[in-house]
């Protein structure tokens, strides 16, 4: 349920500055930045909780892979978003940023979460 909330929050936050009147733009960007950071941190905590629920022998390596993928994905996402912004402005960046969590949410709803049985 928390992952669903996080996905919906990330999708909604991408369009918040577009919906706010331009005079409120700077404030909206600040609020959006804070809320987006909150959502990302919440998602990382959920991922960490799943990792630490595993057997102790699996935790260290999996946590290293998880954290490396988080930082690598963030760096690549920032570089990619900069190029998108140059070509299509905020609507293109927001549209693509909305698509990723929505695809993940649809996958969660239709495919579900598979548990590995030991």
PDB file of N, CA and C in Angstrom:
ATOM      1  N   UNK A   1       0.822  -1.192   0.000  1.00  0.00           N
ATOM      2  CA  UNK A   1       0.000   0.000   0.000  1.00  0.00           C
ATOM      3  C   UNK A   1       0.868   1.260   0.000  1.00  0.00           C
ATOM      4  N   UNK A   2       1.983   1.216   0.771  1.00  0.00           N
ATOM      5  CA  UNK A   2       2.862   2.385   0.814  1.00  0.00           C
ATOM      6  C   UNK A   2       3.518   2.641  -0.538  1.00  0.00           C
ATOM      7  N   UNK A   3       3.880   1.573  -1.245  1.00  0.00           N
ATOM      8  CA  UNK A   3       4.492   1.737  -2.564  1.00  0.00           C
ATOM      9  C   UNK A   3       3.498   2.367  -3.526  1.00  0.00           C
ATOM     10  N   UNK A   4       2.238   2.005  -3.423  1.00  0.00           N
ATOM     11  CA  UNK A   4       1.204   2.594  -4.268  1.00  0.00           C
ATOM     12  C   UNK A   4       1.079   4.079  -3.978  1.00  0.00           C
ATOM     13  N   UNK A   5       1.049   4.444  -2.702  1.00  0.00           N
ATOM     14  CA  UNK A   5       0.973   5.858  -2.321  1.00  0.00           C
ATOM     15  C   UNK A   5       2.169   6.626  -2.857  1.00  0.00           C
ATOM     16  N   UNK A   6       3.359   6.054  -2.734  1.00  0.00           N
ATOM     17  CA  UNK A   6       4.568   6.719  -3.214  1.00  0.00           C
ATOM     18  C   UNK A   6       4.524   6.932  -4.719  1.00  0.00           C
ATOM     19  N   UNK A   7       4.092   5.927  -5.458  1.00  0.00           N
ATOM     20  CA  UNK A   7       4.005   6.049  -6.918  1.00  0.00           C
ATOM     21  C   UNK A   7       3.012   7.136  -7.311  1.00  0.00           C
ATOM     22  N   UNK A   8       1.865   7.165  -6.665  1.00  0.00           N
ATOM     23  CA  UNK A   8       0.872   8.193  -6.968  1.00  0.00           C
ATOM     24  C   UNK A   8       1.371   9.585  -6.591  1.00  0.00           C
ATOM     25  N   UNK A   9       2.055   9.697  -5.462  1.00  0.00           N
ATOM     26  CA  UNK A   9       2.584  10.980  -5.034  1.00  0.00           C
ATOM     27  C   UNK A   9       3.629  11.490  -6.017  1.00  0.00           C
ATOM     28  N   UNK A  10       4.528  10.631  -6.459  1.00  0.00           N
ATOM     29  CA  UNK A  10       5.548  11.044  -7.427  1.00  0.00           C
ATOM     30  C   UNK A  10       4.912  11.496  -8.740  1.00  0.00           C
ATOM     31  N   UNK A  11       3.891  10.782  -9.190  1.00  0.00           N
ATOM     32  CA  UNK A  11       3.212  11.159 -10.435  1.00  0.00           C
ATOM     33  C   UNK A  11       2.521  12.507 -10.288  1.00  0.00           C
ATOM     34  N   UNK A  12       1.859  12.731  -9.173  1.00  0.00           N
ATOM     35  CA  UNK A  12       1.153  13.992  -8.959  1.00  0.00           C
ATOM     36  C   UNK A  12       2.126  15.163  -8.814  1.00  0.00           C
ATOM     37  N   UNK A  13       3.235  14.941  -8.150  1.00  0.00           N
ATOM     38  CA  UNK A  13       4.191  16.019  -7.924  1.00  0.00           C
ATOM     39  C   UNK A  13       4.851  16.503  -9.204  1.00  0.00           C
ATOM     40  N   UNK A  14       4.940  15.663 -10.185  1.00  0.00           N
ATOM     41  CA  UNK A  14       5.571  16.064 -11.439  1.00  0.00           C
ATOM     42  C   UNK A  14       4.803  17.190 -12.117  1.00  0.00           C
ATOM     43  N   UNK A  15       3.490  17.223 -11.945  1.00  0.00           N
ATOM     44  CA  UNK A  15       2.665  18.229 -12.609  1.00  0.00           C
ATOM     45  C   UNK A  15       2.266  19.396 -11.720  1.00  0.00           C
ATOM     46  N   UNK A  16       2.637  19.396 -10.464  1.00  0.00           N
ATOM     47  CA  UNK A  16       2.241  20.468  -9.567  1.00  0.00           C
ATOM     48  C   UNK A  16       2.650  21.856 -10.067  1.00  0.00           C
ATOM     49  N   UNK A  17       3.902  22.077 -10.479  1.00  0.00           N
ATOM     50  CA  UNK A  17       4.269  23.422 -10.945  1.00  0.00           C
ATOM     51  C   UNK A  17       3.497  23.861 -12.189  1.00  0.00           C
ATOM     52  N   UNK A  18       3.081  22.946 -13.029  1.00  0.00           N
ATOM     53  CA  UNK A  18       2.328  23.289 -14.229  1.00  0.00           C
ATOM     54  C   UNK A  18       0.933  23.793 -13.857  1.00  0.00           C
ATOM     55  N   UNK A  19       0.363  23.228 -12.807  1.00  0.00           N
ATOM     56  CA  UNK A  19      -0.995  23.576 -12.407  1.00  0.00           C
ATOM     57  C   UNK A  19      -1.083  24.876 -11.610  1.00  0.00           C
ATOM     58  N   UNK A  20       0.002  25.282 -11.006  1.00  0.00           N
ATOM     59  CA  UNK A  20       0.013  26.480 -10.170  1.00  0.00           C
ATOM     60  C   UNK A  20       0.198  27.722 -11.044  1.00  0.00           C
ATOM     61  N   UNK A  21      -0.475  28.807 -10.675  1.00  0.00           N
ATOM     62  CA  UNK A  21      -0.347  30.081 -11.396  1.00  0.00           C
ATOM     63  C   UNK A  21       1.115  30.524 -11.404  1.00  0.00           C
ATOM     64  N   UNK A  22       1.602  31.141 -12.511  1.00  0.00           N
ATOM     65  CA  UNK A  22       3.021  31.513 -12.609  1.00  0.00           C
ATOM     66  C   UNK A  22       3.532  32.381 -11.463  1.00  0.00           C
ATOM     67  N   UNK A  23       2.692  33.238 -10.876  1.00  0.00           N
ATOM     68  CA  UNK A  23       3.151  34.086  -9.773  1.00  0.00           C
ATOM     69  C   UNK A  23       3.550  33.249  -8.561  1.00  0.00           C
ATOM     70  N   UNK A  24       2.995  32.056  -8.477  1.00  0.00           N
ATOM     71  CA  UNK A  24       3.306  31.183  -7.350  1.00  0.00           C
ATOM     72  C   UNK A  24       4.408  30.192  -7.735  1.00  0.00           C
ATOM     73  N   UNK A  25       5.039  30.398  -8.892  1.00  0.00           N
ATOM     74  CA  UNK A  25       5.972  29.420  -9.436  1.00  0.00           C
ATOM     75  C   UNK A  25       7.115  29.049  -8.541  1.00  0.00           C
ATOM     76  N   UNK A  26       7.798  30.029  -7.962  1.00  0.00           N
ATOM     77  CA  UNK A  26       8.965  29.733  -7.133  1.00  0.00           C
ATOM     78  C   UNK A  26       8.540  28.955  -5.886  1.00  0.00           C
ATOM     79  N   UNK A  27       7.479  29.420  -5.237  1.00  0.00           N
ATOM     80  CA  UNK A  27       6.983  28.705  -4.059  1.00  0.00           C
ATOM     81  C   UNK A  27       6.554  27.295  -4.388  1.00  0.00           C
ATOM     82  N   UNK A  28       5.903  27.133  -5.547  1.00  0.00           N
ATOM     83  CA  UNK A  28       5.457  25.804  -5.972  1.00  0.00           C
ATOM     84  C   UNK A  28       6.653  24.890  -6.226  1.00  0.00           C
ATOM     85  N   UNK A  29       7.716  25.460  -6.802  1.00  0.00           N
ATOM     86  CA  UNK A  29       8.908  24.647  -7.049  1.00  0.00           C
ATOM     87  C   UNK A  29       9.560  24.209  -5.743  1.00  0.00           C
ATOM     88  N   UNK A  30       9.578  25.104  -4.762  1.00  0.00           N
ATOM     89  CA  UNK A  30      10.155  24.753  -3.466  1.00  0.00           C
ATOM     90  C   UNK A  30       9.331  23.653  -2.807  1.00  0.00           C
ATOM     91  N   UNK A  31       8.014  23.831  -2.792  1.00  0.00           N
ATOM     92  CA  UNK A  31       7.131  22.823  -2.188  1.00  0.00           C
ATOM     93  C   UNK A  31       7.258  21.501  -2.930  1.00  0.00           C
ATOM     94  N   UNK A  32       7.280  21.570  -4.254  1.00  0.00           N
ATOM     95  CA  UNK A  32       7.423  20.359  -5.053  1.00  0.00           C
ATOM     96  C   UNK A  32       8.741  19.664  -4.757  1.00  0.00           C
ATOM     97  N   UNK A  33       9.820  20.435  -4.657  1.00  0.00           N
ATOM     98  CA  UNK A  33      11.118  19.850  -4.352  1.00  0.00           C
ATOM     99  C   UNK A  33      11.142  19.144  -3.006  1.00  0.00           C
ATOM    100  N   UNK A  34      10.550  19.773  -2.008  1.00  0.00           N
ATOM    101  CA  UNK A  34      10.514  19.172  -0.671  1.00  0.00           C
ATOM    102  C   UNK A  34       9.663  17.903  -0.681  1.00  0.00           C
ATOM    103  N   UNK A  35       8.483  17.975  -1.295  1.00  0.00           N
ATOM    104  CA  UNK A  35       7.605  16.804  -1.344  1.00  0.00           C
ATOM    105  C   UNK A  35       8.200  15.679  -2.181  1.00  0.00           C
ATOM    106  N   UNK A  36       8.853  16.042  -3.274  1.00  0.00           N
ATOM    107  CA  UNK A  36       9.486  15.029  -4.116  1.00  0.00           C
ATOM    108  C   UNK A  36      10.626  14.347  -3.362  1.00  0.00           C
ATOM    109  N   UNK A  37      11.423  15.129  -2.636  1.00  0.00           N
ATOM    110  CA  UNK A  37      12.494  14.544  -1.832  1.00  0.00           C
ATOM    111  C   UNK A  37      11.915  13.615  -0.765  1.00  0.00           C
ATOM    112  N   UNK A  38      10.810  14.033  -0.142  1.00  0.00           N
ATOM    113  CA  UNK A  38      10.148  13.193   0.852  1.00  0.00           C
ATOM    114  C   UNK A  38       9.713  11.869   0.241  1.00  0.00           C
ATOM    115  N   UNK A  39       9.114  11.932  -0.945  1.00  0.00           N
ATOM    116  CA  UNK A  39       8.633  10.712  -1.601  1.00  0.00           C
ATOM    117  C   UNK A  39       9.790   9.783  -1.971  1.00  0.00           C
ATOM    118  N   UNK A  40      10.877  10.363  -2.460  1.00  0.00           N
ATOM    119  CA  UNK A  40      12.048   9.549  -2.811  1.00  0.00           C
ATOM    120  C   UNK A  40      12.634   8.899  -1.563  1.00  0.00           C
ATOM    121  N   UNK A  41      12.754   9.671  -0.481  1.00  0.00           N
ATOM    122  CA  UNK A  41      13.286   9.116   0.763  1.00  0.00           C
ATOM    123  C   UNK A  41      12.376   8.011   1.308  1.00  0.00           C
ATOM    124  N   UNK A  42      11.061   8.209   1.204  1.00  0.00           N
ATOM    125  CA  UNK A  42      10.120   7.189   1.669  1.00  0.00           C
ATOM    126  C   UNK A  42      10.284   5.904   0.845  1.00  0.00           C
ATOM    127  N   UNK A  43      10.483   6.056  -0.435  1.00  0.00           N
ATOM    128  CA  UNK A  43      10.680   4.904  -1.294  1.00  0.00           C
ATOM    129  C   UNK A  43      11.976   4.166  -0.937  1.00  0.00           C
ATOM    130  N   UNK A  44      13.030   4.917  -0.636  1.00  0.00           N
ATOM    131  CA  UNK A  44      14.295   4.287  -0.246  1.00  0.00           C
ATOM    132  C   UNK A  44      14.151   3.540   1.083  1.00  0.00           C
ATOM    133  N   UNK A  45      13.424   4.123   2.018  1.00  0.00           N
ATOM    134  CA  UNK A  45      13.213   3.455   3.302  1.00  0.00           C
ATOM    135  C   UNK A  45      12.434   2.153   3.109  1.00  0.00           C
ATOM    136  N   UNK A  46      11.440   2.176   2.241  1.00  0.00           N
ATOM    137  CA  UNK A  46      10.684   0.946   1.969  1.00  0.00           C
ATOM    138  C   UNK A  46      11.576  -0.125   1.357  1.00  0.00           C
ATOM    139  N   UNK A  47      12.458   0.288   0.445  1.00  0.00           N
ATOM    140  CA  UNK A  47      13.390  -0.660  -0.154  1.00  0.00           C
ATOM    141  C   UNK A  47      14.353  -1.228   0.875  1.00  0.00           C
ATOM    142  N   UNK A  48      14.860  -0.357   1.741  1.00  0.00           N
ATOM    143  CA  UNK A  48      15.760  -0.806   2.797  1.00  0.00           C
ATOM    144  C   UNK A  48      15.064  -1.770   3.749  1.00  0.00           C
ATOM    145  N   UNK A  49      13.813  -1.507   4.049  1.00  0.00           N
ATOM    146  CA  UNK A  49      13.063  -2.395   4.944  1.00  0.00           C
ATOM    147  C   UNK A  49      12.946  -3.794   4.346  1.00  0.00           C
ATOM    148  N   UNK A  50      12.718  -3.863   3.045  1.00  0.00           N
ATOM    149  CA  UNK A  50      12.631  -5.164   2.373  1.00  0.00           C
ATOM    150  C   UNK A  50      13.969  -5.894   2.420  1.00  0.00           C
ATOM    151  N   UNK A  51      15.040  -5.157   2.227  1.00  0.00           N
ATOM    152  CA  UNK A  51      16.372  -5.773   2.245  1.00  0.00           C
ATOM    153  C   UNK A  51      16.704  -6.311   3.630  1.00  0.00           C
ATOM    154  N   UNK A  52      16.434  -5.513   4.659  1.00  0.00           N
ATOM    155  CA  UNK A  52      16.780  -5.938   6.016  1.00  0.00           C
ATOM    156  C   UNK A  52      15.849  -6.999   6.566  1.00  0.00           C
ATOM    157  N   UNK A  53      14.786  -7.305   5.854  1.00  0.00           N
ATOM    158  CA  UNK A  53      13.914  -8.413   6.247  1.00  0.00           C
ATOM    159  C   UNK A  53      14.465  -9.749   5.747  1.00  0.00           C
ATOM    160  N   UNK A  54      15.487  -9.696   4.899  1.00  0.00           N
ATOM    161  CA  UNK A  54      16.074 -10.914   4.341  1.00  0.00           C
ATOM    162  C   UNK A  54      17.057 -11.552   5.316  1.00  0.00           C
ATOM    163  N   UNK A  55      17.510 -12.722   4.950  1.00  0.00           N
ATOM    164  CA  UNK A  55      18.518 -13.443   5.724  1.00  0.00           C
ATOM    165  C   UNK A  55      19.792 -12.607   5.800  1.00  0.00           C
ATOM    166  N   UNK A  56      20.469 -12.653   6.931  1.00  0.00           N
ATOM    167  CA  UNK A  56      21.651 -11.814   7.181  1.00  0.00           C
ATOM    168  C   UNK A  56      22.748 -11.982   6.130  1.00  0.00           C
ATOM    169  N   UNK A  57      22.925 -13.184   5.624  1.00  0.00           N
ATOM    170  CA  UNK A  57      23.986 -13.423   4.636  1.00  0.00           C
ATOM    171  C   UNK A  57      23.710 -12.708   3.315  1.00  0.00           C
ATOM    172  N   UNK A  58      22.477 -12.426   3.027  1.00  0.00           N
ATOM    173  CA  UNK A  58      22.107 -11.792   1.761  1.00  0.00           C
ATOM    174  C   UNK A  58      22.123 -10.272   1.838  1.00  0.00           C
ATOM    175  N   UNK A  59      22.019  -9.719   3.013  1.00  0.00           N
ATOM    176  CA  UNK A  59      21.813  -8.278   3.177  1.00  0.00           C
ATOM    177  C   UNK A  59      22.916  -7.401   2.623  1.00  0.00           C
ATOM    178  N   UNK A  60      24.151  -7.668   2.978  1.00  0.00           N
ATOM    179  CA  UNK A  60      25.244  -6.755   2.637  1.00  0.00           C
ATOM    180  C   UNK A  60      25.411  -6.571   1.147  1.00  0.00           C
ATOM    181  N   UNK A  61      25.491  -7.645   0.427  1.00  0.00           N
ATOM    182  CA  UNK A  61      25.683  -7.533  -1.023  1.00  0.00           C
ATOM    183  C   UNK A  61      24.469  -6.910  -1.701  1.00  0.00           C
ATOM    184  N   UNK A  62      23.294  -7.344  -1.294  1.00  0.00           N
ATOM    185  CA  UNK A  62      22.075  -6.805  -1.896  1.00  0.00           C
ATOM    186  C   UNK A  62      21.927  -5.317  -1.573  1.00  0.00           C
ATOM    187  N   UNK A  63      22.260  -4.920  -0.362  1.00  0.00           N
ATOM    188  CA  UNK A  63      22.196  -3.510   0.006  1.00  0.00           C
ATOM    189  C   UNK A  63      23.181  -2.695  -0.825  1.00  0.00           C
ATOM    190  N   UNK A  64      24.372  -3.234  -1.063  1.00  0.00           N
ATOM    191  CA  UNK A  64      25.361  -2.532  -1.893  1.00  0.00           C
ATOM    192  C   UNK A  64      24.845  -2.357  -3.320  1.00  0.00           C
ATOM    193  N   UNK A  65      24.255  -3.389  -3.872  1.00  0.00           N
ATOM    194  CA  UNK A  65      23.692  -3.296  -5.227  1.00  0.00           C
ATOM    195  C   UNK A  65      22.542  -2.293  -5.249  1.00  0.00           C
ATOM    196  N   UNK A  66      21.693  -2.350  -4.221  1.00  0.00           N
ATOM    197  CA  UNK A  66      20.545  -1.447  -4.141  1.00  0.00           C
ATOM    198  C   UNK A  66      20.997   0.016  -4.094  1.00  0.00           C
ATOM    199  N   UNK A  67      21.922   0.338  -3.202  1.00  0.00           N
ATOM    200  CA  UNK A  67      22.376   1.718  -3.064  1.00  0.00           C
ATOM    201  C   UNK A  67      23.126   2.197  -4.302  1.00  0.00           C
ATOM    202  N   UNK A  68      23.920   1.320  -4.898  1.00  0.00           N
ATOM    203  CA  UNK A  68      24.622   1.682  -6.126  1.00  0.00           C
ATOM    204  C   UNK A  68      23.631   1.986  -7.240  1.00  0.00           C
ATOM    205  N   UNK A  69      22.592   1.168  -7.351  1.00  0.00           N
ATOM    206  CA  UNK A  69      21.593   1.410  -8.402  1.00  0.00           C
ATOM    207  C   UNK A  69      20.809   2.694  -8.142  1.00  0.00           C
ATOM    208  N   UNK A  70      20.543   3.026  -6.875  1.00  0.00           N
ATOM    209  CA  UNK A  70      19.847   4.271  -6.547  1.00  0.00           C
ATOM    210  C   UNK A  70      20.667   5.471  -7.011  1.00  0.00           C
ATOM    211  N   UNK A  71      21.951   5.505  -6.654  1.00  0.00           N
ATOM    212  CA  UNK A  71      22.789   6.652  -7.007  1.00  0.00           C
ATOM    213  C   UNK A  71      23.100   6.708  -8.501  1.00  0.00           C
ATOM    214  N   UNK A  72      23.325   5.564  -9.115  1.00  0.00           N
ATOM    215  CA  UNK A  72      23.566   5.539 -10.561  1.00  0.00           C
ATOM    216  C   UNK A  72      22.313   5.986 -11.308  1.00  0.00           C
ATOM    217  N   UNK A  73      21.165   5.480 -10.895  1.00  0.00           N
ATOM    218  CA  UNK A  73      19.906   5.886 -11.524  1.00  0.00           C
ATOM    219  C   UNK A  73      19.629   7.367 -11.354  1.00  0.00           C
ATOM    220  N   UNK A  74      19.944   7.907 -10.180  1.00  0.00           N
ATOM    221  CA  UNK A  74      19.752   9.339  -9.957  1.00  0.00           C
ATOM    222  C   UNK A  74      20.646  10.180 -10.855  1.00  0.00           C
ATOM    223  N   UNK A  75      21.892   9.774 -10.988  1.00  0.00           N
ATOM    224  CA  UNK A  75      22.826  10.522 -11.844  1.00  0.00           C
ATOM    225  C   UNK A  75      22.409  10.445 -13.315  1.00  0.00           C
ATOM    226  N   UNK A  76      22.062   9.255 -13.767  1.00  0.00           N
ATOM    227  CA  UNK A  76      21.627   9.108 -15.162  1.00  0.00           C
ATOM    228  C   UNK A  76      20.315   9.844 -15.408  1.00  0.00           C
ATOM    229  N   UNK A  77      19.410   9.779 -14.441  1.00  0.00           N
ATOM    230  CA  UNK A  77      18.132  10.486 -14.572  1.00  0.00           C
ATOM    231  C   UNK A  77      18.321  11.994 -14.662  1.00  0.00           C
ATOM    232  N   UNK A  78      19.227  12.530 -13.862  1.00  0.00           N
ATOM    233  CA  UNK A  78      19.497  13.967 -13.906  1.00  0.00           C
ATOM    234  C   UNK A  78      20.082  14.381 -15.249  1.00  0.00           C
ATOM    235  N   UNK A  79      21.021  13.599 -15.749  1.00  0.00           N
ATOM    236  CA  UNK A  79      21.623  13.906 -17.049  1.00  0.00           C
ATOM    237  C   UNK A  79      20.583  13.814 -18.168  1.00  0.00           C
ATOM    238  N   UNK A  80      19.762  12.793 -18.113  1.00  0.00           N
ATOM    239  CA  UNK A  80      18.732  12.592 -19.141  1.00  0.00           C
ATOM    240  C   UNK A  80      17.674  13.688 -19.066  1.00  0.00           C
ATOM    241  N   UNK A  81      17.270  14.070 -17.856  1.00  0.00           N
ATOM    242  CA  UNK A  81      16.249  15.103 -17.675  1.00  0.00           C
ATOM    243  C   UNK A  81      16.734  16.449 -18.200  1.00  0.00           C
ATOM    244  N   UNK A  82      18.023  16.733 -18.047  1.00  0.00           N
ATOM    245  CA  UNK A  82      18.569  17.991 -18.555  1.00  0.00           C
ATOM    246  C   UNK A  82      18.431  18.073 -20.065  1.00  0.00           C
ATOM    247  N   UNK A  83      18.728  16.983 -20.737  1.00  0.00           N
ATOM    248  CA  UNK A  83      18.594  16.958 -22.204  1.00  0.00           C
ATOM    249  C   UNK A  83      17.130  17.058 -22.623  1.00  0.00           C
ATOM    250  N   UNK A  84      16.256  16.369 -21.899  1.00  0.00           N
ATOM    251  CA  UNK A  84      14.824  16.462 -22.206  1.00  0.00           C
ATOM    252  C   UNK A  84      14.321  17.887 -22.017  1.00  0.00           C
ATOM    253  N   UNK A  85      14.772  18.544 -20.958  1.00  0.00           N
ATOM    254  CA  UNK A  85      14.332  19.913 -20.682  1.00  0.00           C
ATOM    255  C   UNK A  85      14.766  20.854 -21.801  1.00  0.00           C
ATOM    256  N   UNK A  86      15.962  20.648 -22.338  1.00  0.00           N
ATOM    257  CA  UNK A  86      16.443  21.480 -23.449  1.00  0.00           C
ATOM    258  C   UNK A  86      15.543  21.330 -24.670  1.00  0.00           C
ATOM    259  N   UNK A  87      15.031  20.134 -24.912  1.00  0.00           N
ATOM    260  CA  UNK A  87      14.242  19.873 -26.108  1.00  0.00           C
ATOM    261  C   UNK A  87      12.747  20.145 -25.950  1.00  0.00           C
ATOM    262  N   UNK A  88      12.186  19.876 -24.765  1.00  0.00           N
ATOM    263  CA  UNK A  88      10.738  20.017 -24.644  1.00  0.00           C
ATOM    264  C   UNK A  88      10.264  20.777 -23.429  1.00  0.00           C
ATOM    265  N   UNK A  89      11.198  21.309 -22.644  1.00  0.00           N
ATOM    266  CA  UNK A  89      10.800  22.062 -21.465  1.00  0.00           C
ATOM    267  C   UNK A  89      10.207  21.177 -20.373  1.00  0.00           C
ATOM    268  N   UNK A  90       9.593  21.844 -19.394  1.00  0.00           N
ATOM    269  CA  UNK A  90       9.044  21.133 -18.252  1.00  0.00           C
ATOM    270  C   UNK A  90       7.941  20.146 -18.625  1.00  0.00           C
ATOM    271  N   UNK A  91       7.039  20.464 -19.579  1.00  0.00           N
ATOM    272  CA  UNK A  91       5.991  19.475 -19.898  1.00  0.00           C
ATOM    273  C   UNK A  91       6.543  18.122 -20.348  1.00  0.00           C
ATOM    274  N   UNK A  92       7.616  18.122 -21.127  1.00  0.00           N
ATOM    275  CA  UNK A  92       8.203  16.855 -21.559  1.00  0.00           C
ATOM    276  C   UNK A  92       8.839  16.111 -20.389  1.00  0.00           C
ATOM    277  N   UNK A  93       9.578  16.830 -19.554  1.00  0.00           N
ATOM    278  CA  UNK A  93      10.207  16.201 -18.388  1.00  0.00           C
ATOM    279  C   UNK A  93       9.134  15.659 -17.446  1.00  0.00           C
ATOM    280  N   UNK A  94       8.116  16.469 -17.166  1.00  0.00           N
ATOM    281  CA  UNK A  94       7.043  16.051 -16.256  1.00  0.00           C
ATOM    282  C   UNK A  94       6.270  14.869 -16.815  1.00  0.00           C
ATOM    283  N   UNK A  95       6.023  14.874 -18.121  1.00  0.00           N
ATOM    284  CA  UNK A  95       5.298  13.756 -18.734  1.00  0.00           C
ATOM    285  C   UNK A  95       6.052  12.452 -18.618  1.00  0.00           C
ATOM    286  N   UNK A  96       7.328  12.498 -18.900  1.00  0.00           N
ATOM    287  CA  UNK A  96       8.128  11.276 -18.792  1.00  0.00           C
ATOM    288  C   UNK A  96       8.320  10.865 -17.338  1.00  0.00           C
ATOM    289  N   UNK A  97       8.505  11.853 -16.453  1.00  0.00           N
ATOM    290  CA  UNK A  97       8.655  11.543 -15.031  1.00  0.00           C
ATOM    291  C   UNK A  97       7.375  10.945 -14.462  1.00  0.00           C
ATOM    292  N   UNK A  98       6.250  11.310 -14.998  1.00  0.00           N
ATOM    293  CA  UNK A  98       4.972  10.745 -14.563  1.00  0.00           C
ATOM    294  C   UNK A  98       4.794   9.332 -15.109  1.00  0.00           C
ATOM    295  N   UNK A  99       5.284   9.097 -16.301  1.00  0.00           N
ATOM    296  CA  UNK A  99       5.096   7.792 -16.939  1.00  0.00           C
ATOM    297  C   UNK A  99       5.776   6.660 -16.171  1.00  0.00           C
ATOM    298  N   UNK A 100       6.972   6.894 -15.658  1.00  0.00           N
ATOM    299  CA  UNK A 100       7.702   5.819 -14.980  1.00  0.00           C
ATOM    300  C   UNK A 100       6.991   5.288 -13.738  1.00  0.00           C
ATOM    301  N   UNK A 101       6.585   6.142 -12.783  1.00  0.00           N
ATOM    302  CA  UNK A 101       5.873   5.580 -11.631  1.00  0.00           C
ATOM    303  C   UNK A 101       4.510   5.007 -12.001  1.00  0.00           C
ATOM    304  N   UNK A 102       3.853   5.563 -13.028  1.00  0.00           N
ATOM    305  CA  UNK A 102       2.560   5.012 -13.430  1.00  0.00           C
ATOM    306  C   UNK A 102       2.710   3.619 -14.043  1.00  0.00           C
ATOM    307  N   UNK A 103       3.757   3.419 -14.820  1.00  0.00           N
ATOM    308  CA  UNK A 103       4.014   2.085 -15.382  1.00  0.00           C
ATOM    309  C   UNK A 103       4.309   1.103 -14.246  1.00  0.00           C
ATOM    310  N   UNK A 104       5.107   1.538 -13.263  1.00  0.00           N
ATOM    311  CA  UNK A 104       5.401   0.667 -12.116  1.00  0.00           C
ATOM    312  C   UNK A 104       4.130   0.356 -11.332  1.00  0.00           C
ATOM    313  N   UNK A 105       3.270   1.343 -11.160  1.00  0.00           N
ATOM    314  CA  UNK A 105       2.021   1.135 -10.437  1.00  0.00           C
ATOM    315  C   UNK A 105       1.102   0.179 -11.194  1.00  0.00           C
ATOM    316  N   UNK A 106       1.001   0.351 -12.502  1.00  0.00           N
ATOM    317  CA  UNK A 106       0.187  -0.568 -13.311  1.00  0.00           C
ATOM    318  C   UNK A 106       0.741  -1.986 -13.249  1.00  0.00           C
ATOM    319  N   UNK A 107       2.053  -2.115 -13.296  1.00  0.00           N
ATOM    320  CA  UNK A 107       2.670  -3.427 -13.175  1.00  0.00           C
ATOM    321  C   UNK A 107       2.314  -4.060 -11.832  1.00  0.00           C
ATOM    322  N   UNK A 108       2.386  -3.258 -10.770  1.00  0.00           N
ATOM    323  CA  UNK A 108       2.060  -3.756  -9.441  1.00  0.00           C
ATOM    324  C   UNK A 108       0.605  -4.227  -9.376  1.00  0.00           C
ATOM    325  N   UNK A 109      -0.309  -3.451  -9.954  1.00  0.00           N
ATOM    326  CA  UNK A 109      -1.723  -3.813  -9.904  1.00  0.00           C
ATOM    327  C   UNK A 109      -2.054  -5.039 -10.748  1.00  0.00           C
ATOM    328  N   UNK A 110      -1.472  -5.131 -11.952  1.00  0.00           N
ATOM    329  CA  UNK A 110      -1.861  -6.198 -12.878  1.00  0.00           C
ATOM    330  C   UNK A 110      -0.996  -7.454 -12.776  1.00  0.00           C
ATOM    331  N   UNK A 111       0.258  -7.291 -12.470  1.00  0.00           N
ATOM    332  CA  UNK A 111       1.139  -8.450 -12.369  1.00  0.00           C
ATOM    333  C   UNK A 111       1.291  -8.880 -10.918  1.00  0.00           C
ATOM    334  N   UNK A 112       1.331  -7.901 -10.032  1.00  0.00           N
ATOM    335  CA  UNK A 112       1.436  -8.203  -8.614  1.00  0.00           C
ATOM    336  C   UNK A 112       2.861  -8.369  -8.169  1.00  0.00           C
ATOM    337  N   UNK A 113       2.947  -8.743  -6.956  1.00  0.00           N
ATOM    338  CA  UNK A 113       4.260  -8.942  -6.345  1.00  0.00           C
ATOM    339  C   UNK A 113       4.454 -10.409  -6.083  1.00  0.00           C
ATOM    340  N   UNK A 114       5.497 -10.971  -6.638  1.00  0.00           N
ATOM    341  CA  UNK A 114       5.778 -12.393  -6.480  1.00  0.00           C
ATOM    342  C   UNK A 114       6.720 -12.605  -5.303  1.00  0.00           C
ATOM    343  N   UNK A 115       6.341 -13.453  -4.416  1.00  0.00           N
ATOM    344  CA  UNK A 115       7.191 -13.783  -3.278  1.00  0.00           C
ATOM    345  C   UNK A 115       7.967 -15.058  -3.579  1.00  0.00           C
ATOM    346  N   UNK A 116       9.232 -15.046  -3.269  1.00  0.00           N
ATOM    347  CA  UNK A 116      10.058 -16.233  -3.453  1.00  0.00           C
ATOM    348  C   UNK A 116       9.855 -17.127  -2.243  1.00  0.00           C
ATOM    349  N   UNK A 117       9.562 -18.362  -2.498  1.00  0.00           N
ATOM    350  CA  UNK A 117       9.388 -19.321  -1.407  1.00  0.00           C
ATOM    351  C   UNK A 117      10.705 -20.024  -1.155  1.00  0.00           C
ATOM    352  N   UNK A 118      11.041 -20.143   0.107  1.00  0.00           N
ATOM    353  CA  UNK A 118      12.314 -20.796   0.491  1.00  0.00           C
ATOM    354  C   UNK A 118      12.054 -22.204   0.936  1.00  0.00           C
TER     355      UNK A 118
END
